[in-house]
N, C-alpha and C. Protein backbone atom coordinates (compact mmCIF):
# COMPACT_ATOMS: atom_id res chain seq x y z
N MET A 1 64.36 50.27 16.98
CA MET A 1 65.50 51.10 17.29
C MET A 1 66.12 50.60 18.60
N ASP A 2 67.44 50.45 18.57
CA ASP A 2 68.16 50.01 19.77
C ASP A 2 68.50 51.21 20.64
N ALA A 3 68.37 51.01 21.93
CA ALA A 3 68.78 52.05 22.88
C ALA A 3 70.18 51.73 23.37
N TYR A 4 70.99 52.72 23.45
CA TYR A 4 72.34 52.50 23.97
C TYR A 4 72.76 53.71 24.81
N LEU A 5 73.77 53.49 25.58
CA LEU A 5 74.30 54.52 26.46
C LEU A 5 75.59 55.05 25.84
N ASP A 6 75.62 56.31 25.53
CA ASP A 6 76.80 56.93 24.94
C ASP A 6 77.73 57.39 26.07
N LEU A 7 78.87 56.74 26.18
CA LEU A 7 79.82 57.04 27.25
C LEU A 7 81.00 57.88 26.78
N LYS A 8 80.93 58.40 25.54
CA LYS A 8 82.04 59.19 25.02
C LYS A 8 82.34 60.39 25.91
N ASN A 9 81.31 61.11 26.32
CA ASN A 9 81.53 62.29 27.16
C ASN A 9 82.05 61.90 28.54
N LEU A 10 81.56 60.81 29.10
CA LEU A 10 82.04 60.36 30.40
C LEU A 10 83.51 59.96 30.30
N ASP A 11 83.86 59.26 29.24
CA ASP A 11 85.25 58.85 29.04
C ASP A 11 86.15 60.08 28.90
N LYS A 12 85.70 61.06 28.14
CA LYS A 12 86.46 62.30 27.95
C LYS A 12 86.61 63.02 29.29
N PHE A 13 85.56 63.11 30.06
CA PHE A 13 85.57 63.76 31.37
C PHE A 13 86.53 63.04 32.33
N THR A 14 86.48 61.72 32.33
CA THR A 14 87.34 60.92 33.20
C THR A 14 88.81 61.14 32.85
N LYS A 15 89.14 61.14 31.57
CA LYS A 15 90.52 61.37 31.14
C LYS A 15 91.00 62.77 31.53
N GLN A 16 90.11 63.75 31.37
CA GLN A 16 90.45 65.12 31.72
C GLN A 16 90.70 65.25 33.23
N MET A 17 89.84 64.63 34.03
CA MET A 17 90.02 64.68 35.48
C MET A 17 91.32 64.01 35.89
N LYS A 18 91.60 62.86 35.31
CA LYS A 18 92.82 62.11 35.65
C LYS A 18 94.05 62.95 35.30
N ALA A 19 94.04 63.59 34.15
CA ALA A 19 95.17 64.42 33.74
C ALA A 19 95.36 65.59 34.71
N ASN A 20 94.26 66.20 35.13
CA ASN A 20 94.35 67.32 36.08
C ASN A 20 94.84 66.88 37.45
N ILE A 21 94.38 65.74 37.91
CA ILE A 21 94.79 65.23 39.22
C ILE A 21 96.28 64.91 39.21
N GLU A 22 96.75 64.32 38.12
CA GLU A 22 98.15 63.92 38.04
C GLU A 22 99.10 65.11 37.93
N LYS A 23 98.59 66.30 37.63
CA LYS A 23 99.42 67.50 37.55
C LYS A 23 99.84 68.00 38.93
N HIS A 24 99.04 67.73 39.92
CA HIS A 24 99.25 68.34 41.24
C HIS A 24 99.62 67.30 42.29
N TYR A 25 100.28 67.77 43.32
CA TYR A 25 100.59 66.96 44.49
C TYR A 25 100.95 67.90 45.63
N ALA A 26 100.99 67.36 46.82
CA ALA A 26 101.37 68.15 47.99
C ALA A 26 102.75 67.70 48.46
N LYS A 27 103.63 68.67 48.67
CA LYS A 27 104.94 68.42 49.27
C LYS A 27 104.83 68.82 50.74
N VAL A 28 105.24 67.94 51.63
CA VAL A 28 105.20 68.23 53.05
C VAL A 28 106.58 67.96 53.61
N GLY A 29 107.12 68.90 54.35
CA GLY A 29 108.44 68.72 54.95
C GLY A 29 109.10 70.04 55.21
N VAL A 30 110.42 70.03 55.30
CA VAL A 30 111.19 71.26 55.46
C VAL A 30 111.50 71.74 54.04
N LEU A 31 110.71 72.67 53.57
CA LEU A 31 110.88 73.19 52.22
C LEU A 31 111.90 74.32 52.24
N SER A 32 112.47 74.64 51.10
CA SER A 32 113.59 75.59 51.04
C SER A 32 113.26 76.94 51.66
N ALA A 33 112.04 77.39 51.56
CA ALA A 33 111.68 78.70 52.11
C ALA A 33 111.84 78.78 53.63
N LYS A 34 111.80 77.64 54.30
CA LYS A 34 111.90 77.64 55.76
C LYS A 34 113.12 76.84 56.25
N ASN A 35 114.14 76.74 55.42
CA ASN A 35 115.30 75.94 55.79
C ASN A 35 116.26 76.67 56.72
N ASN A 36 116.31 77.99 56.65
CA ASN A 36 117.27 78.75 57.46
C ASN A 36 116.92 78.73 58.93
N ARG A 37 117.98 78.73 59.75
CA ARG A 37 117.82 78.75 61.20
C ARG A 37 118.33 80.08 61.74
N ALA A 38 117.78 80.51 62.87
CA ALA A 38 118.22 81.74 63.51
C ALA A 38 119.68 81.65 63.94
N ASP A 39 120.12 80.47 64.36
CA ASP A 39 121.50 80.26 64.78
C ASP A 39 122.31 79.69 63.61
N SER A 40 122.31 80.41 62.50
CA SER A 40 122.87 79.89 61.26
C SER A 40 124.38 79.70 61.29
N GLU A 41 125.06 80.18 62.33
CA GLU A 41 126.50 79.97 62.39
C GLU A 41 126.86 78.49 62.53
N SER A 42 125.88 77.68 62.90
CA SER A 42 126.13 76.24 63.03
C SER A 42 126.35 75.57 61.68
N GLY A 43 125.93 76.24 60.59
CA GLY A 43 126.05 75.64 59.27
C GLY A 43 124.95 74.65 58.95
N PHE A 44 124.08 74.41 59.90
CA PHE A 44 122.98 73.48 59.71
C PHE A 44 121.73 74.25 59.34
N GLY A 45 121.07 73.80 58.28
CA GLY A 45 119.74 74.30 58.00
C GLY A 45 118.75 73.36 58.67
N ASN A 46 117.49 73.73 58.66
CA ASN A 46 116.46 72.89 59.26
C ASN A 46 116.32 71.55 58.56
N ALA A 47 116.51 71.52 57.24
CA ALA A 47 116.38 70.26 56.50
C ALA A 47 117.48 69.28 56.93
N LYS A 48 118.69 69.78 57.07
CA LYS A 48 119.79 68.91 57.49
C LYS A 48 119.59 68.45 58.93
N LEU A 49 119.13 69.34 59.78
CA LEU A 49 118.86 68.98 61.17
C LEU A 49 117.76 67.91 61.24
N ALA A 50 116.72 68.07 60.43
CA ALA A 50 115.65 67.08 60.40
C ALA A 50 116.19 65.73 59.94
N ALA A 51 117.07 65.74 58.95
CA ALA A 51 117.65 64.48 58.44
C ALA A 51 118.49 63.80 59.51
N VAL A 52 119.27 64.59 60.26
CA VAL A 52 120.09 64.01 61.33
C VAL A 52 119.20 63.34 62.36
N HIS A 53 118.13 64.00 62.75
CA HIS A 53 117.23 63.40 63.74
C HIS A 53 116.42 62.25 63.17
N GLU A 54 116.10 62.32 61.90
CA GLU A 54 115.33 61.25 61.27
C GLU A 54 116.08 59.91 61.31
N TYR A 55 117.40 59.98 61.12
CA TYR A 55 118.19 58.75 61.04
C TYR A 55 119.24 58.60 62.14
N GLY A 56 119.46 59.65 62.91
CA GLY A 56 120.54 59.65 63.90
C GLY A 56 121.83 60.09 63.23
N SER A 57 122.77 60.56 64.02
CA SER A 57 124.04 61.02 63.45
C SER A 57 124.93 59.83 63.14
N ARG A 58 125.82 60.03 62.19
CA ARG A 58 126.74 58.96 61.79
C ARG A 58 127.62 58.49 62.93
N ASP A 59 128.00 59.45 63.79
CA ASP A 59 128.89 59.09 64.91
C ASP A 59 128.13 58.50 66.10
N GLY A 60 126.81 58.45 66.00
CA GLY A 60 125.99 57.86 67.06
C GLY A 60 125.73 58.75 68.25
N ARG A 61 126.24 59.98 68.21
CA ARG A 61 126.04 60.89 69.36
C ARG A 61 124.61 61.42 69.42
N ILE A 62 123.96 61.52 68.29
CA ILE A 62 122.56 61.94 68.26
C ILE A 62 121.75 60.73 67.83
N PRO A 63 120.88 60.24 68.72
CA PRO A 63 120.10 59.05 68.37
C PRO A 63 118.99 59.37 67.37
N GLU A 64 118.50 58.35 66.73
CA GLU A 64 117.39 58.51 65.79
C GLU A 64 116.16 59.00 66.55
N ARG A 65 115.63 60.10 66.07
CA ARG A 65 114.35 60.63 66.56
C ARG A 65 113.52 60.97 65.33
N SER A 66 112.98 59.94 64.73
CA SER A 66 112.27 60.08 63.47
C SER A 66 111.05 60.98 63.63
N ILE A 67 110.84 61.78 62.64
CA ILE A 67 109.66 62.65 62.59
C ILE A 67 108.75 62.15 61.46
N PHE A 68 109.31 62.06 60.27
CA PHE A 68 108.51 61.76 59.08
C PHE A 68 108.15 60.27 58.97
N ARG A 69 109.14 59.40 59.09
CA ARG A 69 108.86 57.97 58.97
C ARG A 69 107.99 57.49 60.13
N LEU A 70 108.28 57.99 61.33
CA LEU A 70 107.51 57.58 62.50
C LEU A 70 106.05 58.03 62.37
N THR A 71 105.85 59.27 61.90
CA THR A 71 104.49 59.76 61.71
C THR A 71 103.76 58.93 60.66
N ALA A 72 104.45 58.59 59.59
CA ALA A 72 103.83 57.75 58.55
C ALA A 72 103.45 56.40 59.15
N ASP A 73 104.32 55.85 59.97
CA ASP A 73 104.04 54.55 60.60
C ASP A 73 102.86 54.64 61.57
N LYS A 74 102.84 55.69 62.37
CA LYS A 74 101.82 55.81 63.42
C LYS A 74 100.49 56.36 62.94
N ARG A 75 100.49 57.15 61.86
CA ARG A 75 99.26 57.83 61.47
C ARG A 75 98.77 57.53 60.05
N SER A 76 99.38 56.58 59.34
CA SER A 76 98.94 56.32 57.97
C SER A 76 97.52 55.77 57.91
N GLU A 77 97.16 54.90 58.85
CA GLU A 77 95.79 54.37 58.85
C GLU A 77 94.78 55.48 59.16
N GLU A 78 95.14 56.36 60.08
CA GLU A 78 94.26 57.48 60.42
C GLU A 78 94.12 58.43 59.22
N MET A 79 95.21 58.61 58.47
CA MET A 79 95.15 59.46 57.28
C MET A 79 94.24 58.82 56.24
N SER A 80 94.35 57.53 56.06
CA SER A 80 93.48 56.82 55.11
C SER A 80 92.01 56.97 55.50
N ALA A 81 91.74 56.83 56.79
CA ALA A 81 90.36 56.99 57.28
C ALA A 81 89.86 58.42 57.05
N PHE A 82 90.75 59.40 57.24
CA PHE A 82 90.40 60.80 57.00
C PHE A 82 90.05 61.00 55.53
N ILE A 83 90.86 60.45 54.64
CA ILE A 83 90.61 60.58 53.21
C ILE A 83 89.28 59.92 52.86
N ASP A 84 89.04 58.73 53.40
CA ASP A 84 87.77 58.03 53.15
C ASP A 84 86.58 58.85 53.63
N SER A 85 86.73 59.50 54.78
CA SER A 85 85.62 60.29 55.33
C SER A 85 85.31 61.52 54.50
N LYS A 86 86.27 61.95 53.69
CA LYS A 86 86.10 63.15 52.86
C LYS A 86 85.87 62.81 51.39
N GLN A 87 85.63 61.54 51.10
CA GLN A 87 85.53 61.10 49.71
C GLN A 87 84.50 61.88 48.90
N THR A 88 83.31 62.04 49.44
CA THR A 88 82.25 62.72 48.70
C THR A 88 82.63 64.17 48.44
N GLN A 89 83.13 64.86 49.48
CA GLN A 89 83.54 66.25 49.31
C GLN A 89 84.70 66.36 48.34
N ASN A 90 85.66 65.44 48.44
CA ASN A 90 86.81 65.48 47.53
C ASN A 90 86.38 65.30 46.09
N LEU A 91 85.45 64.38 45.84
CA LEU A 91 84.96 64.17 44.49
C LEU A 91 84.27 65.42 43.96
N LYS A 92 83.47 66.06 44.81
CA LYS A 92 82.81 67.31 44.40
C LYS A 92 83.85 68.37 44.06
N ASP A 93 84.87 68.51 44.91
CA ASP A 93 85.91 69.51 44.66
C ASP A 93 86.66 69.22 43.37
N VAL A 94 86.98 67.97 43.14
CA VAL A 94 87.70 67.59 41.92
C VAL A 94 86.86 67.90 40.69
N THR A 95 85.59 67.54 40.73
CA THR A 95 84.73 67.80 39.57
C THR A 95 84.51 69.29 39.34
N ARG A 96 84.66 70.10 40.38
CA ARG A 96 84.52 71.56 40.25
C ARG A 96 85.85 72.23 39.91
N GLY A 97 86.88 71.43 39.68
CA GLY A 97 88.18 71.99 39.34
C GLY A 97 88.98 72.49 40.53
N LYS A 98 88.59 72.09 41.73
CA LYS A 98 89.27 72.54 42.95
C LYS A 98 90.22 71.46 43.47
N ILE A 99 91.00 70.92 42.57
CA ILE A 99 91.91 69.83 42.93
C ILE A 99 92.94 70.30 43.94
N LYS A 100 93.45 71.51 43.75
CA LYS A 100 94.45 72.03 44.69
C LYS A 100 93.89 72.14 46.10
N ASP A 101 92.60 72.44 46.21
CA ASP A 101 91.98 72.52 47.54
C ASP A 101 92.03 71.17 48.26
N VAL A 102 91.85 70.10 47.51
CA VAL A 102 91.91 68.76 48.10
C VAL A 102 93.31 68.51 48.63
N TYR A 103 94.32 68.82 47.82
CA TYR A 103 95.70 68.62 48.26
C TYR A 103 96.07 69.53 49.43
N LYS A 104 95.55 70.74 49.45
CA LYS A 104 95.79 71.65 50.59
C LYS A 104 95.24 71.04 51.88
N MET A 105 94.04 70.49 51.80
CA MET A 105 93.44 69.86 52.97
C MET A 105 94.28 68.67 53.44
N LEU A 106 94.77 67.88 52.50
CA LEU A 106 95.58 66.71 52.86
C LEU A 106 96.93 67.14 53.43
N GLY A 107 97.53 68.17 52.85
CA GLY A 107 98.80 68.69 53.38
C GLY A 107 98.65 69.22 54.79
N ALA A 108 97.57 69.95 55.03
CA ALA A 108 97.32 70.50 56.37
C ALA A 108 97.07 69.38 57.39
N LYS A 109 96.36 68.35 56.98
CA LYS A 109 96.09 67.24 57.88
C LYS A 109 97.38 66.51 58.23
N TRP A 110 98.22 66.27 57.21
CA TRP A 110 99.47 65.57 57.47
C TRP A 110 100.36 66.41 58.39
N MET A 111 100.37 67.73 58.20
CA MET A 111 101.15 68.59 59.09
C MET A 111 100.65 68.49 60.54
N SER A 112 99.35 68.36 60.73
CA SER A 112 98.83 68.23 62.10
C SER A 112 99.37 66.96 62.76
N PHE A 113 99.54 65.90 61.97
CA PHE A 113 100.12 64.67 62.51
C PHE A 113 101.60 64.88 62.84
N LEU A 114 102.32 65.61 61.99
CA LEU A 114 103.74 65.87 62.24
C LEU A 114 103.92 66.71 63.51
N PHE A 115 103.05 67.71 63.69
CA PHE A 115 103.13 68.52 64.91
C PHE A 115 102.80 67.68 66.14
N GLU A 116 101.89 66.74 65.99
CA GLU A 116 101.58 65.81 67.09
C GLU A 116 102.82 65.00 67.45
N CYS A 117 103.59 64.62 66.45
CA CYS A 117 104.83 63.87 66.69
C CYS A 117 105.78 64.70 67.55
N PHE A 118 105.93 65.98 67.23
CA PHE A 118 106.77 66.85 68.05
C PHE A 118 106.22 66.97 69.47
N GLU A 119 104.94 67.28 69.56
CA GLU A 119 104.32 67.54 70.86
C GLU A 119 104.41 66.33 71.79
N THR A 120 104.30 65.14 71.24
CA THR A 120 104.32 63.92 72.07
C THR A 120 105.70 63.29 72.12
N GLU A 121 106.69 64.03 71.63
CA GLU A 121 108.07 63.54 71.58
C GLU A 121 108.14 62.16 70.91
N GLY A 122 107.71 62.20 69.65
CA GLY A 122 107.77 60.96 68.85
C GLY A 122 106.75 59.93 69.30
N PHE A 123 105.55 60.41 69.67
CA PHE A 123 104.49 59.52 70.15
C PHE A 123 105.00 58.70 71.34
N GLY A 124 105.87 59.36 72.13
CA GLY A 124 106.41 58.74 73.34
C GLY A 124 107.56 57.78 73.10
N THR A 125 108.15 57.79 71.90
CA THR A 125 109.19 56.81 71.59
C THR A 125 110.60 57.39 71.50
N TRP A 126 110.75 58.71 71.40
CA TRP A 126 112.08 59.27 71.23
C TRP A 126 112.95 59.04 72.47
N PRO A 127 114.21 58.72 72.26
CA PRO A 127 115.13 58.62 73.40
C PRO A 127 115.29 59.99 74.07
N GLU A 128 115.41 59.98 75.37
CA GLU A 128 115.59 61.24 76.10
C GLU A 128 116.91 61.89 75.73
N ILE A 129 116.98 63.21 75.91
CA ILE A 129 118.25 63.89 75.66
C ILE A 129 119.17 63.66 76.85
N ALA A 130 120.45 63.71 76.57
CA ALA A 130 121.44 63.52 77.62
C ALA A 130 121.38 64.71 78.58
N ASP A 131 121.72 64.47 79.83
CA ASP A 131 121.73 65.55 80.82
C ASP A 131 122.61 66.71 80.36
N SER A 132 123.76 66.39 79.78
CA SER A 132 124.67 67.45 79.32
C SER A 132 124.02 68.30 78.24
N THR A 133 123.24 67.68 77.37
CA THR A 133 122.53 68.42 76.32
C THR A 133 121.46 69.31 76.94
N TYR A 134 120.74 68.78 77.91
CA TYR A 134 119.71 69.58 78.58
C TYR A 134 120.32 70.84 79.18
N TRP A 135 121.42 70.69 79.92
CA TRP A 135 122.03 71.84 80.60
C TRP A 135 122.63 72.82 79.61
N MET A 136 123.19 72.31 78.50
CA MET A 136 123.73 73.18 77.47
C MET A 136 122.61 74.01 76.83
N LYS A 137 121.47 73.36 76.54
CA LYS A 137 120.34 74.07 75.94
C LYS A 137 119.75 75.10 76.89
N LEU A 138 119.67 74.76 78.16
CA LEU A 138 119.16 75.71 79.16
C LEU A 138 120.08 76.92 79.26
N GLU A 139 121.37 76.67 79.28
CA GLU A 139 122.34 77.77 79.36
C GLU A 139 122.24 78.67 78.13
N ARG A 140 122.14 78.07 76.95
CA ARG A 140 122.00 78.84 75.71
C ARG A 140 120.71 79.64 75.72
N PHE A 141 119.63 79.05 76.21
CA PHE A 141 118.35 79.74 76.30
C PHE A 141 118.47 80.97 77.20
N GLU A 142 119.09 80.78 78.35
CA GLU A 142 119.24 81.89 79.30
C GLU A 142 120.11 83.00 78.73
N GLU A 143 121.10 82.66 77.90
CA GLU A 143 121.93 83.68 77.25
C GLU A 143 121.13 84.43 76.19
N MET A 144 120.30 83.70 75.45
CA MET A 144 119.52 84.32 74.38
C MET A 144 118.38 85.18 74.90
N TYR A 145 117.80 84.79 76.03
CA TYR A 145 116.63 85.48 76.59
C TYR A 145 116.88 85.83 78.06
N PRO A 146 117.85 86.70 78.35
CA PRO A 146 118.23 86.94 79.75
C PRO A 146 117.12 87.53 80.63
N ASN A 147 116.34 88.44 80.13
CA ASN A 147 115.30 89.08 80.94
C ASN A 147 113.91 88.85 80.38
N SER A 148 113.75 87.75 79.72
CA SER A 148 112.48 87.47 79.04
C SER A 148 111.54 86.68 79.94
N LYS A 149 110.27 86.84 79.68
CA LYS A 149 109.25 86.03 80.37
C LYS A 149 109.03 84.72 79.63
N LYS A 150 109.71 84.57 78.50
CA LYS A 150 109.59 83.34 77.72
C LYS A 150 110.12 82.18 78.56
N GLN A 151 109.39 81.07 78.51
CA GLN A 151 109.76 79.89 79.30
C GLN A 151 110.59 78.91 78.49
N PHE A 152 111.58 78.34 79.12
CA PHE A 152 112.39 77.30 78.49
C PHE A 152 111.52 76.06 78.33
N ASN A 153 111.56 75.47 77.15
CA ASN A 153 110.80 74.26 76.88
C ASN A 153 111.76 73.07 76.86
N PRO A 154 111.71 72.21 77.87
CA PRO A 154 112.65 71.10 77.93
C PRO A 154 112.29 69.92 77.03
N LYS A 155 111.16 69.99 76.34
CA LYS A 155 110.78 68.87 75.47
C LYS A 155 111.78 68.71 74.33
N ILE A 156 111.99 67.48 73.93
CA ILE A 156 112.95 67.16 72.88
C ILE A 156 112.56 67.86 71.57
N LEU A 157 113.54 68.50 70.96
CA LEU A 157 113.40 69.21 69.68
C LEU A 157 112.39 70.36 69.75
N GLN A 158 112.16 70.90 70.94
CA GLN A 158 111.19 71.99 71.04
C GLN A 158 111.73 73.18 71.82
N ASP A 159 113.01 73.20 72.13
CA ASP A 159 113.53 74.31 72.92
C ASP A 159 113.43 75.64 72.18
N THR A 160 113.68 75.66 70.88
CA THR A 160 113.52 76.90 70.12
C THR A 160 112.29 76.86 69.22
N GLY A 161 111.82 75.68 68.87
CA GLY A 161 110.67 75.54 67.98
C GLY A 161 110.99 75.75 66.51
N GLN A 162 112.27 76.02 66.21
CA GLN A 162 112.63 76.31 64.82
C GLN A 162 112.40 75.13 63.88
N LEU A 163 112.75 73.95 64.33
CA LEU A 163 112.59 72.79 63.44
C LEU A 163 111.11 72.52 63.17
N ALA A 164 110.32 72.44 64.21
CA ALA A 164 108.88 72.18 64.03
C ALA A 164 108.23 73.27 63.17
N ASN A 165 108.62 74.53 63.41
CA ASN A 165 108.03 75.62 62.66
C ASN A 165 108.52 75.69 61.22
N SER A 166 109.57 74.95 60.90
CA SER A 166 110.06 74.95 59.52
C SER A 166 109.31 73.95 58.65
N ILE A 167 108.54 73.08 59.27
CA ILE A 167 107.80 72.08 58.50
C ILE A 167 106.52 72.72 57.96
N THR A 168 106.35 72.60 56.67
CA THR A 168 105.19 73.18 56.02
C THR A 168 104.79 72.32 54.83
N TYR A 169 103.82 72.77 54.09
CA TYR A 169 103.42 72.05 52.89
C TYR A 169 103.20 73.04 51.75
N GLU A 170 103.25 72.50 50.57
CA GLU A 170 103.05 73.29 49.37
C GLU A 170 102.35 72.40 48.35
N VAL A 171 101.38 72.96 47.67
CA VAL A 171 100.69 72.22 46.61
C VAL A 171 101.24 72.73 45.29
N VAL A 172 101.72 71.79 44.50
CA VAL A 172 102.29 72.16 43.19
C VAL A 172 101.54 71.44 42.08
């Protein structure tokens, strides 16, 4: 009698896992639920504002201050290392049907890198804001919060925090 290894069940399991994995993904960015801004009279939503800063304005008055592409450039190797470090746990989660949990973890990790980009002002690469912009933002801040203990944040793209706080992730 010949001994053989029956791989039918393994093949079936592999196909099922692949189909389940391909159903889901994580979206990270300014999603529609967080697109509105408190100062909506400007006509700009957070997604449009992010796009202007990502590439700079057409008229050149707002320089490129990339958030998404710069983060991908600066942190893609670190993200790969993070994924590699979680390989065993990810495989366990996938085999237990917790595929969305894996994507949630990856979405949260990528968001931490995006917030780092804001906090470090583009990993130290963003062009400084013009003096006139600084004074305009300070004046607007003082009008909005006349008797507040809230402190003005002079960091680029962080005076109100609306853009950074609009970035989120969703697993679909």
